[in-house]
PDB file of N, CA and C in Angstrom:
ATOM      1  N   MET A   1      26.315 -19.548   6.164  1.00  0.00           N
ATOM      2  CA  MET A   1      26.628 -20.826   6.743  1.00  0.00           C
ATOM      3  C   MET A   1      25.409 -21.743   6.773  1.00  0.00           C
ATOM      4  N   PHE A   2      24.236 -21.195   7.132  1.00  0.00           N
ATOM      5  CA  PHE A   2      23.025 -21.997   7.221  1.00  0.00           C
ATOM      6  C   PHE A   2      22.132 -21.838   5.991  1.00  0.00           C
ATOM      7  N   GLY A   3      22.616 -21.151   4.959  1.00  0.00           N
ATOM      8  CA  GLY A   3      21.826 -20.968   3.746  1.00  0.00           C
ATOM      9  C   GLY A   3      20.842 -19.823   3.820  1.00  0.00           C
ATOM     10  N   ASN A   4      20.947 -18.986   4.840  1.00  0.00           N
ATOM     11  CA  ASN A   4      20.052 -17.848   4.989  1.00  0.00           C
ATOM     12  C   ASN A   4      20.804 -16.599   4.552  1.00  0.00           C
ATOM     13  N   ASN A   5      20.488 -16.093   3.376  1.00  0.00           N
ATOM     14  CA  ASN A   5      21.188 -14.937   2.835  1.00  0.00           C
ATOM     15  C   ASN A   5      20.298 -13.707   2.974  1.00  0.00           C
ATOM     16  N   GLN A   6      20.691 -12.784   3.820  1.00  0.00           N
ATOM     17  CA  GLN A   6      19.934 -11.547   4.020  1.00  0.00           C
ATOM     18  C   GLN A   6      20.751 -10.344   3.570  1.00  0.00           C
ATOM     19  N   ALA A   7      21.310 -10.440   2.386  1.00  0.00           N
ATOM     20  CA  ALA A   7      22.195  -9.388   1.888  1.00  0.00           C
ATOM     21  C   ALA A   7      21.496  -8.039   1.784  1.00  0.00           C
ATOM     22  N   SER A   8      20.232  -8.037   1.391  1.00  0.00           N
ATOM     23  CA  SER A   8      19.544  -6.747   1.236  1.00  0.00           C
ATOM     24  C   SER A   8      19.223  -6.094   2.578  1.00  0.00           C
ATOM     25  N   TYR A   9      19.350  -6.830   3.676  1.00  0.00           N
ATOM     26  CA  TYR A   9      19.080  -6.264   4.996  1.00  0.00           C
ATOM     27  C   TYR A   9      20.351  -6.109   5.815  1.00  0.00           C
ATOM     28  N   GLY A  10      21.489  -6.125   5.161  1.00  0.00           N
ATOM     29  CA  GLY A  10      22.768  -6.044   5.863  1.00  0.00           C
ATOM     30  C   GLY A  10      23.032  -4.651   6.403  1.00  0.00           C
ATOM     31  N   ILE A  11      24.165  -4.496   7.053  1.00  0.00           N
ATOM     32  CA  ILE A  11      24.551  -3.206   7.622  1.00  0.00           C
ATOM     33  C   ILE A  11      25.819  -2.697   6.959  1.00  0.00           C
ATOM     34  N   GLY A  12      25.972  -3.012   5.669  1.00  0.00           N
ATOM     35  CA  GLY A  12      27.142  -2.572   4.923  1.00  0.00           C
ATOM     36  C   GLY A  12      27.087  -1.088   4.617  1.00  0.00           C
ATOM     37  N   MET A  13      28.139  -0.607   3.965  1.00  0.00           N
ATOM     38  CA  MET A  13      28.229   0.818   3.628  1.00  0.00           C
ATOM     39  C   MET A  13      27.132   1.228   2.645  1.00  0.00           C
ATOM     40  N   ASN A  14      26.814   0.358   1.693  1.00  0.00           N
ATOM     41  CA  ASN A  14      25.760   0.702   0.731  1.00  0.00           C
ATOM     42  C   ASN A  14      24.419   0.908   1.424  1.00  0.00           C
ATOM     43  N   MET A  15      24.102   0.045   2.373  1.00  0.00           N
ATOM     44  CA  MET A  15      22.833   0.172   3.091  1.00  0.00           C
ATOM     45  C   MET A  15      22.822   1.440   3.945  1.00  0.00           C
ATOM     46  N   ALA A  16      23.934   1.748   4.580  1.00  0.00           N
ATOM     47  CA  ALA A  16      24.018   2.956   5.400  1.00  0.00           C
ATOM     48  C   ALA A  16      23.850   4.202   4.536  1.00  0.00           C
ATOM     49  N   PHE A  17      24.545   4.250   3.395  1.00  0.00           N
ATOM     50  CA  PHE A  17      24.414   5.410   2.510  1.00  0.00           C
ATOM     51  C   PHE A  17      23.010   5.515   1.925  1.00  0.00           C
ATOM     52  N   CYS A  18      22.404   4.395   1.615  1.00  0.00           N
ATOM     53  CA  CYS A  18      21.041   4.414   1.091  1.00  0.00           C
ATOM     54  C   CYS A  18      20.069   4.931   2.145  1.00  0.00           C
ATOM     55  N   ALA A  19      20.203   4.477   3.386  1.00  0.00           N
ATOM     56  CA  ALA A  19      19.325   4.942   4.468  1.00  0.00           C
ATOM     57  C   ALA A  19      19.520   6.428   4.732  1.00  0.00           C
ATOM     58  N   ILE A  20      20.765   6.881   4.738  1.00  0.00           N
ATOM     59  CA  ILE A  20      21.042   8.313   4.949  1.00  0.00           C
ATOM     60  C   ILE A  20      20.477   9.134   3.800  1.00  0.00           C
ATOM     61  N   GLY A  21      20.641   8.627   2.578  1.00  0.00           N
ATOM     62  CA  GLY A  21      20.111   9.335   1.409  1.00  0.00           C
ATOM     63  C   GLY A  21      18.600   9.453   1.446  1.00  0.00           C
ATOM     64  N   LEU A  22      17.915   8.375   1.821  1.00  0.00           N
ATOM     65  CA  LEU A  22      16.460   8.429   1.927  1.00  0.00           C
ATOM     66  C   LEU A  22      16.011   9.381   3.030  1.00  0.00           C
ATOM     67  N   PHE A  23      16.748   9.397   4.140  1.00  0.00           N
ATOM     68  CA  PHE A  23      16.425  10.324   5.223  1.00  0.00           C
ATOM     69  C   PHE A  23      16.549  11.769   4.744  1.00  0.00           C
ATOM     70  N   ILE A  24      17.626  12.083   4.049  1.00  0.00           N
ATOM     71  CA  ILE A  24      17.830  13.441   3.539  1.00  0.00           C
ATOM     72  C   ILE A  24      16.748  13.780   2.509  1.00  0.00           C
ATOM     73  N   LEU A  25      16.396  12.811   1.663  1.00  0.00           N
ATOM     74  CA  LEU A  25      15.348  13.046   0.670  1.00  0.00           C
ATOM     75  C   LEU A  25      14.025  13.380   1.336  1.00  0.00           C
ATOM     76  N   PHE A  26      13.633  12.615   2.361  1.00  0.00           N
ATOM     77  CA  PHE A  26      12.362  12.874   3.030  1.00  0.00           C
ATOM     78  C   PHE A  26      12.405  14.165   3.848  1.00  0.00           C
ATOM     79  N   GLN A  27      13.555  14.556   4.339  1.00  0.00           N
ATOM     80  CA  GLN A  27      13.669  15.803   5.081  1.00  0.00           C
ATOM     81  C   GLN A  27      13.549  17.018   4.163  1.00  0.00           C
ATOM     82  N   SER A  28      13.936  16.860   2.896  1.00  0.00           N
ATOM     83  CA  SER A  28      13.956  18.003   1.989  1.00  0.00           C
ATOM     84  C   SER A  28      12.664  18.165   1.195  1.00  0.00           C
ATOM     85  N   ILE A  29      11.707  17.259   1.355  1.00  0.00           N
ATOM     86  CA  ILE A  29      10.448  17.363   0.605  1.00  0.00           C
ATOM     87  C   ILE A  29       9.619  18.525   1.158  1.00  0.00           C
ATOM     88  N   LYS A  30       9.202  19.385   0.261  1.00  0.00           N
ATOM     89  CA  LYS A  30       8.335  20.506   0.631  1.00  0.00           C
ATOM     90  C   LYS A  30       6.887  20.055   0.578  1.00  0.00           C
ATOM     91  N   GLU A  31       6.040  20.702   1.370  1.00  0.00           N
ATOM     92  CA  GLU A  31       4.634  20.327   1.375  1.00  0.00           C
ATOM     93  C   GLU A  31       3.963  20.819   0.101  1.00  0.00           C
ATOM     94  N   SER A  32       3.232  19.917  -0.516  1.00  0.00           N
ATOM     95  CA  SER A  32       2.494  20.236  -1.735  1.00  0.00           C
ATOM     96  C   SER A  32       1.231  19.398  -1.764  1.00  0.00           C
ATOM     97  N   VAL A  33       0.500  19.488  -2.854  1.00  0.00           N
ATOM     98  CA  VAL A  33      -0.726  18.713  -3.003  1.00  0.00           C
ATOM     99  C   VAL A  33      -0.405  17.217  -2.985  1.00  0.00           C
ATOM    100  N   ILE A  34       0.682  16.848  -3.624  1.00  0.00           N
ATOM    101  CA  ILE A  34       1.072  15.436  -3.679  1.00  0.00           C
ATOM    102  C   ILE A  34       1.412  14.912  -2.286  1.00  0.00           C
ATOM    103  N   THR A  35       2.183  15.651  -1.523  1.00  0.00           N
ATOM    104  CA  THR A  35       2.559  15.169  -0.193  1.00  0.00           C
ATOM    105  C   THR A  35       1.364  15.128   0.756  1.00  0.00           C
ATOM    106  N   ARG A  36       0.426  16.072   0.598  1.00  0.00           N
ATOM    107  CA  ARG A  36      -0.776  16.022   1.433  1.00  0.00           C
ATOM    108  C   ARG A  36      -1.618  14.796   1.102  1.00  0.00           C
ATOM    109  N   ASN A  37      -1.733  14.464  -0.186  1.00  0.00           N
ATOM    110  CA  ASN A  37      -2.490  13.272  -0.575  1.00  0.00           C
ATOM    111  C   ASN A  37      -1.789  12.005  -0.111  1.00  0.00           C
ATOM    112  N   ILE A  38      -0.484  11.958  -0.189  1.00  0.00           N
ATOM    113  CA  ILE A  38       0.261  10.802   0.300  1.00  0.00           C
ATOM    114  C   ILE A  38       0.066  10.653   1.801  1.00  0.00           C
ATOM    115  N   THR A  39       0.047  11.750   2.526  1.00  0.00           N
ATOM    116  CA  THR A  39      -0.179  11.700   3.964  1.00  0.00           C
ATOM    117  C   THR A  39      -1.569  11.168   4.284  1.00  0.00           C
ATOM    118  N   LYS A  40      -2.574  11.584   3.529  1.00  0.00           N
ATOM    119  CA  LYS A  40      -3.934  11.085   3.756  1.00  0.00           C
ATOM    120  C   LYS A  40      -4.052   9.601   3.429  1.00  0.00           C
ATOM    121  N   LEU A  41      -3.384   9.164   2.368  1.00  0.00           N
ATOM    122  CA  LEU A  41      -3.461   7.770   1.955  1.00  0.00           C
ATOM    123  C   LEU A  41      -2.574   6.856   2.790  1.00  0.00           C
ATOM    124  N   SER A  42      -1.626   7.411   3.501  1.00  0.00           N
ATOM    125  CA  SER A  42      -0.665   6.574   4.219  1.00  0.00           C
ATOM    126  C   SER A  42      -1.301   5.769   5.343  1.00  0.00           C
ATOM    127  N   LYS A  43      -2.416   6.226   5.893  1.00  0.00           N
ATOM    128  CA  LYS A  43      -3.036   5.456   6.964  1.00  0.00           C
ATOM    129  C   LYS A  43      -3.707   4.185   6.447  1.00  0.00           C
ATOM    130  N   TYR A  44      -3.860   4.058   5.132  1.00  0.00           N
ATOM    131  CA  TYR A  44      -4.454   2.859   4.553  1.00  0.00           C
ATOM    132  C   TYR A  44      -3.418   1.878   4.009  1.00  0.00           C
ATOM    133  N   THR A  45      -2.137   2.182   4.136  1.00  0.00           N
ATOM    134  CA  THR A  45      -1.121   1.328   3.523  1.00  0.00           C
ATOM    135  C   THR A  45      -1.087  -0.064   4.141  1.00  0.00           C
ATOM    136  N   HIS A  46      -1.312  -0.188   5.425  1.00  0.00           N
ATOM    137  CA  HIS A  46      -1.312  -1.514   6.031  1.00  0.00           C
ATOM    138  C   HIS A  46      -2.497  -2.332   5.529  1.00  0.00           C
ATOM    139  N   ASP A  47      -3.637  -1.698   5.371  1.00  0.00           N
ATOM    140  CA  ASP A  47      -4.803  -2.390   4.833  1.00  0.00           C
ATOM    141  C   ASP A  47      -4.588  -2.793   3.377  1.00  0.00           C
ATOM    142  N   VAL A  48      -3.924  -1.936   2.608  1.00  0.00           N
ATOM    143  CA  VAL A  48      -3.607  -2.292   1.224  1.00  0.00           C
ATOM    144  C   VAL A  48      -2.678  -3.490   1.212  1.00  0.00           C
ATOM    145  N   TYR A  49      -1.715  -3.491   2.110  1.00  0.00           N
ATOM    146  CA  TYR A  49      -0.792  -4.620   2.212  1.00  0.00           C
ATOM    147  C   TYR A  49      -1.547  -5.908   2.536  1.00  0.00           C
ATOM    148  N   LEU A  50      -2.533  -5.839   3.400  1.00  0.00           N
ATOM    149  CA  LEU A  50      -3.273  -7.026   3.790  1.00  0.00           C
ATOM    150  C   LEU A  50      -4.247  -7.512   2.715  1.00  0.00           C
ATOM    151  N   THR A  51      -4.779  -6.620   1.903  1.00  0.00           N
ATOM    152  CA  THR A  51      -5.816  -7.011   0.954  1.00  0.00           C
ATOM    153  C   THR A  51      -5.357  -7.121  -0.493  1.00  0.00           C
ATOM    154  N   HIS A  52      -4.142  -6.699  -0.821  1.00  0.00           N
ATOM    155  CA  HIS A  52      -3.772  -6.646  -2.232  1.00  0.00           C
ATOM    156  C   HIS A  52      -3.676  -8.028  -2.882  1.00  0.00           C
ATOM    157  N   ILE A  53      -3.282  -9.050  -2.150  1.00  0.00           N
ATOM    158  CA  ILE A  53      -3.189 -10.383  -2.741  1.00  0.00           C
ATOM    159  C   ILE A  53      -4.587 -10.912  -3.068  1.00  0.00           C
ATOM    160  N   PHE A  54      -5.536 -10.707  -2.161  1.00  0.00           N
ATOM    161  CA  PHE A  54      -6.915 -11.113  -2.430  1.00  0.00           C
ATOM    162  C   PHE A  54      -7.460 -10.371  -3.637  1.00  0.00           C
ATOM    163  N   MET A  55      -7.219  -9.069  -3.699  1.00  0.00           N
ATOM    164  CA  MET A  55      -7.708  -8.282  -4.826  1.00  0.00           C
ATOM    165  C   MET A  55      -7.049  -8.725  -6.126  1.00  0.00           C
ATOM    166  N   MET A  56      -5.749  -9.014  -6.085  1.00  0.00           N
ATOM    167  CA  MET A  56      -5.049  -9.442  -7.290  1.00  0.00           C
ATOM    168  C   MET A  56      -5.591 -10.787  -7.776  1.00  0.00           C
ATOM    169  N   TYR A  57      -5.845 -11.679  -6.853  1.00  0.00           N
ATOM    170  CA  TYR A  57      -6.398 -12.986  -7.216  1.00  0.00           C
ATOM    171  C   TYR A  57      -7.801 -12.839  -7.805  1.00  0.00           C
ATOM    172  N   TYR A  58      -8.603 -11.999  -7.199  1.00  0.00           N
ATOM    173  CA  TYR A  58      -9.986 -11.804  -7.636  1.00  0.00           C
ATOM    174  C   TYR A  58     -10.049 -11.111  -8.997  1.00  0.00           C
ATOM    175  N   ILE A  59      -9.232 -10.076  -9.162  1.00  0.00           N
ATOM    176  CA  ILE A  59      -9.275  -9.276 -10.381  1.00  0.00           C
ATOM    177  C   ILE A  59      -8.631 -10.005 -11.561  1.00  0.00           C
ATOM    178  N   SER A  60      -7.592 -10.793 -11.304  1.00  0.00           N
ATOM    179  CA  SER A  60      -6.878 -11.439 -12.407  1.00  0.00           C
ATOM    180  C   SER A  60      -7.770 -12.385 -13.203  1.00  0.00           C
ATOM    181  N   ALA A  61      -8.741 -12.975 -12.568  1.00  0.00           N
ATOM    182  CA  ALA A  61      -9.660 -13.859 -13.299  1.00  0.00           C
ATOM    183  C   ALA A  61     -10.462 -13.085 -14.339  1.00  0.00           C
ATOM    184  N   TYR A  62     -10.872 -11.872 -14.013  1.00  0.00           N
ATOM    185  CA  TYR A  62     -11.638 -11.062 -14.953  1.00  0.00           C
ATOM    186  C   TYR A  62     -10.750 -10.443 -16.024  1.00  0.00           C
ATOM    187  N   ILE A  63      -9.533 -10.085 -15.666  1.00  0.00           N
ATOM    188  CA  ILE A  63      -8.641  -9.450 -16.631  1.00  0.00           C
ATOM    189  C   ILE A  63      -8.143 -10.467 -17.656  1.00  0.00           C
ATOM    190  N   LYS A  64      -7.957 -11.704 -17.260  1.00  0.00           N
ATOM    191  CA  LYS A  64      -7.529 -12.729 -18.215  1.00  0.00           C
ATOM    192  C   LYS A  64      -8.564 -12.920 -19.312  1.00  0.00           C
ATOM    193  N   ILE A  65      -9.815 -12.729 -18.980  1.00  0.00           N
ATOM    194  CA  ILE A  65     -10.878 -12.836 -19.981  1.00  0.00           C
ATOM    195  C   ILE A  65     -10.849 -11.628 -20.926  1.00  0.00           C
ATOM    196  N   ALA A  66     -10.494 -10.462 -20.400  1.00  0.00           N
ATOM    197  CA  ALA A  66     -10.567  -9.227 -21.176  1.00  0.00           C
ATOM    198  C   ALA A  66      -9.438  -9.088 -22.186  1.00  0.00           C
ATOM    199  N   THR A  67      -8.249  -9.591 -21.885  1.00  0.00           N
ATOM    200  CA  THR A  67      -7.114  -9.392 -22.780  1.00  0.00           C
ATOM    201  C   THR A  67      -6.250 -10.647 -22.849  1.00  0.00           C
ATOM    202  N   THR A  68      -5.569 -10.813 -23.974  1.00  0.00           N
ATOM    203  CA  THR A  68      -4.685 -11.963 -24.143  1.00  0.00           C
ATOM    204  C   THR A  68      -3.208 -11.573 -24.116  1.00  0.00           C
ATOM    205  N   ASN A  69      -2.894 -10.300 -24.138  1.00  0.00           N
ATOM    206  CA  ASN A  69      -1.515  -9.842 -24.092  1.00  0.00           C
ATOM    207  C   ASN A  69      -1.006  -9.973 -22.659  1.00  0.00           C
ATOM    208  N   ASP A  70       0.065 -10.748 -22.462  1.00  0.00           N
ATOM    209  CA  ASP A  70       0.565 -11.012 -21.112  1.00  0.00           C
ATOM    210  C   ASP A  70       1.104  -9.764 -20.429  1.00  0.00           C
ATOM    211  N   THR A  71       1.807  -8.922 -21.164  1.00  0.00           N
ATOM    212  CA  THR A  71       2.373  -7.702 -20.574  1.00  0.00           C
ATOM    213  C   THR A  71       1.264  -6.757 -20.136  1.00  0.00           C
ATOM    214  N   PHE A  72       0.317  -6.517 -21.018  1.00  0.00           N
ATOM    215  CA  PHE A  72      -0.807  -5.639 -20.685  1.00  0.00           C
ATOM    216  C   PHE A  72      -1.643  -6.245 -19.569  1.00  0.00           C
ATOM    217  N   ASN A  73      -1.804  -7.545 -19.596  1.00  0.00           N
ATOM    218  CA  ASN A  73      -2.556  -8.262 -18.567  1.00  0.00           C
ATOM    219  C   ASN A  73      -1.910  -8.062 -17.199  1.00  0.00           C
ATOM    220  N   SER A  74      -0.595  -8.205 -17.137  1.00  0.00           N
ATOM    221  CA  SER A  74       0.122  -8.032 -15.863  1.00  0.00           C
ATOM    222  C   SER A  74       0.018  -6.602 -15.366  1.00  0.00           C
ATOM    223  N   LEU A  75       0.244  -5.654 -16.256  1.00  0.00           N
ATOM    224  CA  LEU A  75       0.184  -4.243 -15.865  1.00  0.00           C
ATOM    225  C   LEU A  75      -1.218  -3.857 -15.408  1.00  0.00           C
ATOM    226  N   LEU A  76      -2.218  -4.287 -16.147  1.00  0.00           N
ATOM    227  CA  LEU A  76      -3.591  -3.975 -15.784  1.00  0.00           C
ATOM    228  C   LEU A  76      -3.988  -4.640 -14.465  1.00  0.00           C
ATOM    229  N   THR A  77      -3.508  -5.856 -14.236  1.00  0.00           N
ATOM    230  CA  THR A  77      -3.794  -6.547 -12.979  1.00  0.00           C
ATOM    231  C   THR A  77      -3.185  -5.810 -11.799  1.00  0.00           C
ATOM    232  N   VAL A  78      -1.950  -5.353 -11.936  1.00  0.00           N
ATOM    233  CA  VAL A  78      -1.284  -4.639 -10.841  1.00  0.00           C
ATOM    234  C   VAL A  78      -2.000  -3.326 -10.539  1.00  0.00           C
ATOM    235  N   VAL A  79      -2.298  -2.561 -11.562  1.00  0.00           N
ATOM    236  CA  VAL A  79      -2.943  -1.260 -11.355  1.00  0.00           C
ATOM    237  C   VAL A  79      -4.346  -1.432 -10.777  1.00  0.00           C
ATOM    238  N   ALA A  80      -5.113  -2.344 -11.357  1.00  0.00           N
ATOM    239  CA  ALA A  80      -6.483  -2.551 -10.877  1.00  0.00           C
ATOM    240  C   ALA A  80      -6.512  -3.114  -9.468  1.00  0.00           C
ATOM    241  N   SER A  81      -5.615  -4.037  -9.158  1.00  0.00           N
ATOM    242  CA  SER A  81      -5.618  -4.604  -7.804  1.00  0.00           C
ATOM    243  C   SER A  81      -5.175  -3.568  -6.779  1.00  0.00           C
ATOM    244  N   PHE A  82      -4.232  -2.692  -7.138  1.00  0.00           N
ATOM    245  CA  PHE A  82      -3.836  -1.637  -6.204  1.00  0.00           C
ATOM    246  C   PHE A  82      -4.989  -0.676  -5.949  1.00  0.00           C
ATOM    247  N   ILE A  83      -5.666  -0.290  -7.006  1.00  0.00           N
ATOM    248  CA  ILE A  83      -6.788   0.649  -6.838  1.00  0.00           C
ATOM    249  C   ILE A  83      -7.897   0.019  -6.006  1.00  0.00           C
ATOM    250  N   MET A  84      -8.223  -1.229  -6.292  1.00  0.00           N
ATOM    251  CA  MET A  84      -9.265  -1.913  -5.516  1.00  0.00           C
ATOM    252  C   MET A  84      -8.820  -2.144  -4.074  1.00  0.00           C
ATOM    253  N   ALA A  85      -7.546  -2.467  -3.889  1.00  0.00           N
ATOM    254  CA  ALA A  85      -7.036  -2.674  -2.535  1.00  0.00           C
ATOM    255  C   ALA A  85      -6.966  -1.366  -1.763  1.00  0.00           C
ATOM    256  N   LEU A  86      -6.977  -0.249  -2.438  1.00  0.00           N
ATOM    257  CA  LEU A  86      -7.031   1.048  -1.766  1.00  0.00           C
ATOM    258  C   LEU A  86      -8.472   1.467  -1.492  1.00  0.00           C
ATOM    259  N   ILE A  87      -9.372   1.189  -2.412  1.00  0.00           N
ATOM    260  CA  ILE A  87     -10.776   1.562  -2.240  1.00  0.00           C
ATOM    261  C   ILE A  87     -11.434   0.730  -1.144  1.00  0.00           C
ATOM    262  N   PHE A  88     -11.170  -0.562  -1.129  1.00  0.00           N
ATOM    263  CA  PHE A  88     -11.788  -1.464  -0.159  1.00  0.00           C
ATOM    264  C   PHE A  88     -11.534  -1.024   1.283  1.00  0.00           C
ATOM    265  N   PRO A  89     -10.285  -0.811   1.733  1.00  0.00           N
ATOM    266  CA  PRO A  89     -10.086  -0.368   3.113  1.00  0.00           C
ATOM    267  C   PRO A  89     -10.608   1.044   3.374  1.00  0.00           C
ATOM    268  N   PHE A  90     -10.581   1.906   2.350  1.00  0.00           N
ATOM    269  CA  PHE A  90     -11.099   3.257   2.524  1.00  0.00           C
ATOM    270  C   PHE A  90     -12.590   3.207   2.852  1.00  0.00           C
ATOM    271  N   VAL A  91     -13.335   2.404   2.117  1.00  0.00           N
ATOM    272  CA  VAL A  91     -14.779   2.287   2.352  1.00  0.00           C
ATOM    273  C   VAL A  91     -15.053   1.623   3.698  1.00  0.00           C
ATOM    274  N   ILE A  92     -14.361   0.530   3.984  1.00  0.00           N
ATOM    275  CA  ILE A  92     -14.574  -0.176   5.247  1.00  0.00           C
ATOM    276  C   ILE A  92     -14.242   0.737   6.432  1.00  0.00           C
ATOM    277  N   ASP A  93     -13.147   1.455   6.322  1.00  0.00           N
ATOM    278  CA  ASP A  93     -12.729   2.320   7.426  1.00  0.00           C
ATOM    279  C   ASP A  93     -13.705   3.464   7.649  1.00  0.00           C
ATOM    280  N   ASN A  94     -14.098   4.119   6.565  1.00  0.00           N
ATOM    281  CA  ASN A  94     -14.953   5.305   6.713  1.00  0.00           C
ATOM    282  C   ASN A  94     -16.424   4.972   6.926  1.00  0.00           C
ATOM    283  N   VAL A  95     -16.887   3.865   6.404  1.00  0.00           N
ATOM    284  CA  VAL A  95     -18.303   3.532   6.530  1.00  0.00           C
ATOM    285  C   VAL A  95     -18.576   2.702   7.781  1.00  0.00           C
ATOM    286  N   VAL A  96     -17.750   1.716   8.043  1.00  0.00           N
ATOM    287  CA  VAL A  96     -18.028   0.795   9.137  1.00  0.00           C
ATOM    288  C   VAL A  96     -17.278   1.168  10.413  1.00  0.00           C
ATOM    289  N   ILE A  97     -15.982   1.227  10.340  1.00  0.00           N
ATOM    290  CA  ILE A  97     -15.145   1.391  11.543  1.00  0.00           C
ATOM    291  C   ILE A  97     -15.373   2.734  12.222  1.00  0.00           C
ATOM    292  N   LEU A  98     -15.348   3.825  11.461  1.00  0.00           N
ATOM    293  CA  LEU A  98     -15.524   5.145  12.088  1.00  0.00           C
ATOM    294  C   LEU A  98     -16.913   5.312  12.695  1.00  0.00           C
ATOM    295  N   ARG A  99     -17.928   4.734  12.076  1.00  0.00           N
ATOM    296  CA  ARG A  99     -19.271   4.802  12.663  1.00  0.00           C
ATOM    297  C   ARG A  99     -19.343   4.020  13.971  1.00  0.00           C
ATOM    298  N   MET A 100     -18.692   2.861  14.002  1.00  0.00           N
ATOM    299  CA  MET A 100     -18.676   2.082  15.246  1.00  0.00           C
ATOM    300  C   MET A 100     -17.928   2.831  16.346  1.00  0.00           C
ATOM    301  N   ILE A 101     -16.817   3.447  16.003  1.00  0.00           N
ATOM    302  CA  ILE A 101     -16.045   4.205  16.991  1.00  0.00           C
ATOM    303  C   ILE A 101     -16.860   5.382  17.514  1.00  0.00           C
ATOM    304  N   ASN A 102     -17.550   6.089  16.622  1.00  0.00           N
ATOM    305  CA  ASN A 102     -18.384   7.220  17.051  1.00  0.00           C
ATOM    306  C   ASN A 102     -19.517   6.768  17.959  1.00  0.00           C
ATOM    307  N   LYS A 103     -20.125   5.641  17.671  1.00  0.00           N
ATOM    308  CA  LYS A 103     -21.197   5.128  18.532  1.00  0.00           C
ATOM    309  C   LYS A 103     -20.655   4.717  19.891  1.00  0.00           C
ATOM    310  N   LEU A 104     -19.481   4.143  19.917  1.00  0.00           N
ATOM    311  CA  LEU A 104     -18.871   3.768  21.199  1.00  0.00           C
ATOM    312  C   LEU A 104     -18.494   4.996  22.014  1.00  0.00           C
ATOM    313  N   LYS A 105     -18.042   6.049  21.337  1.00  0.00           N
ATOM    314  CA  LYS A 105     -17.724   7.279  22.053  1.00  0.00           C
ATOM    315  C   LYS A 105     -18.974   7.915  22.646  1.00  0.00           C
ATOM    316  N   LEU A 106     -20.069   7.903  21.888  1.00  0.00           N
ATOM    317  CA  LEU A 106     -21.304   8.491  22.386  1.00  0.00           C
ATOM    318  C   LEU A 106     -21.858   7.712  23.571  1.00  0.00           C
ATOM    319  N   ARG A 107     -21.694   6.393  23.581  1.00  0.00           N
ATOM    320  CA  ARG A 107     -22.181   5.593  24.700  1.00  0.00           C
ATOM    321  C   ARG A 107     -21.366   5.840  25.964  1.00  0.00           C
ATOM    322  N   SER A 108     -20.084   6.095  25.809  1.00  0.00           N
ATOM    323  CA  SER A 108     -19.242   6.259  26.999  1.00  0.00           C
ATOM    324  C   SER A 108     -19.423   7.630  27.648  1.00  0.00           C
ATOM    325  N   ILE A 109     -20.064   8.570  26.977  1.00  0.00           N
ATOM    326  CA  ILE A 109     -20.257   9.907  27.544  1.00  0.00           C
ATOM    327  C   ILE A 109     -21.395   9.937  28.460  1.00  0.00           C
TER     328      ILE A 109
END
């Protein structure tokens, strides 16, 4: 009525079955090397979400110089920006934030 179409967020039968299917899929996953790595990386997903646009903008300027193929350029930009957006929060979190937290804990004791 107001031009706001939220079909992908509806509560129809397809969405219910999809949510139930994903729940069953995640319940049936056995622990392995892949799931342990995903669990370790999952704490950085919000930081990746916050930094990926900056990384994509920064990296795309260099990738455009390196290649002229649009498909390869797009794929390389996505992969490189994801990797950089994952490395950046990992370094900031482990080098800066955890050291500050440890120093604050030592002062409060």
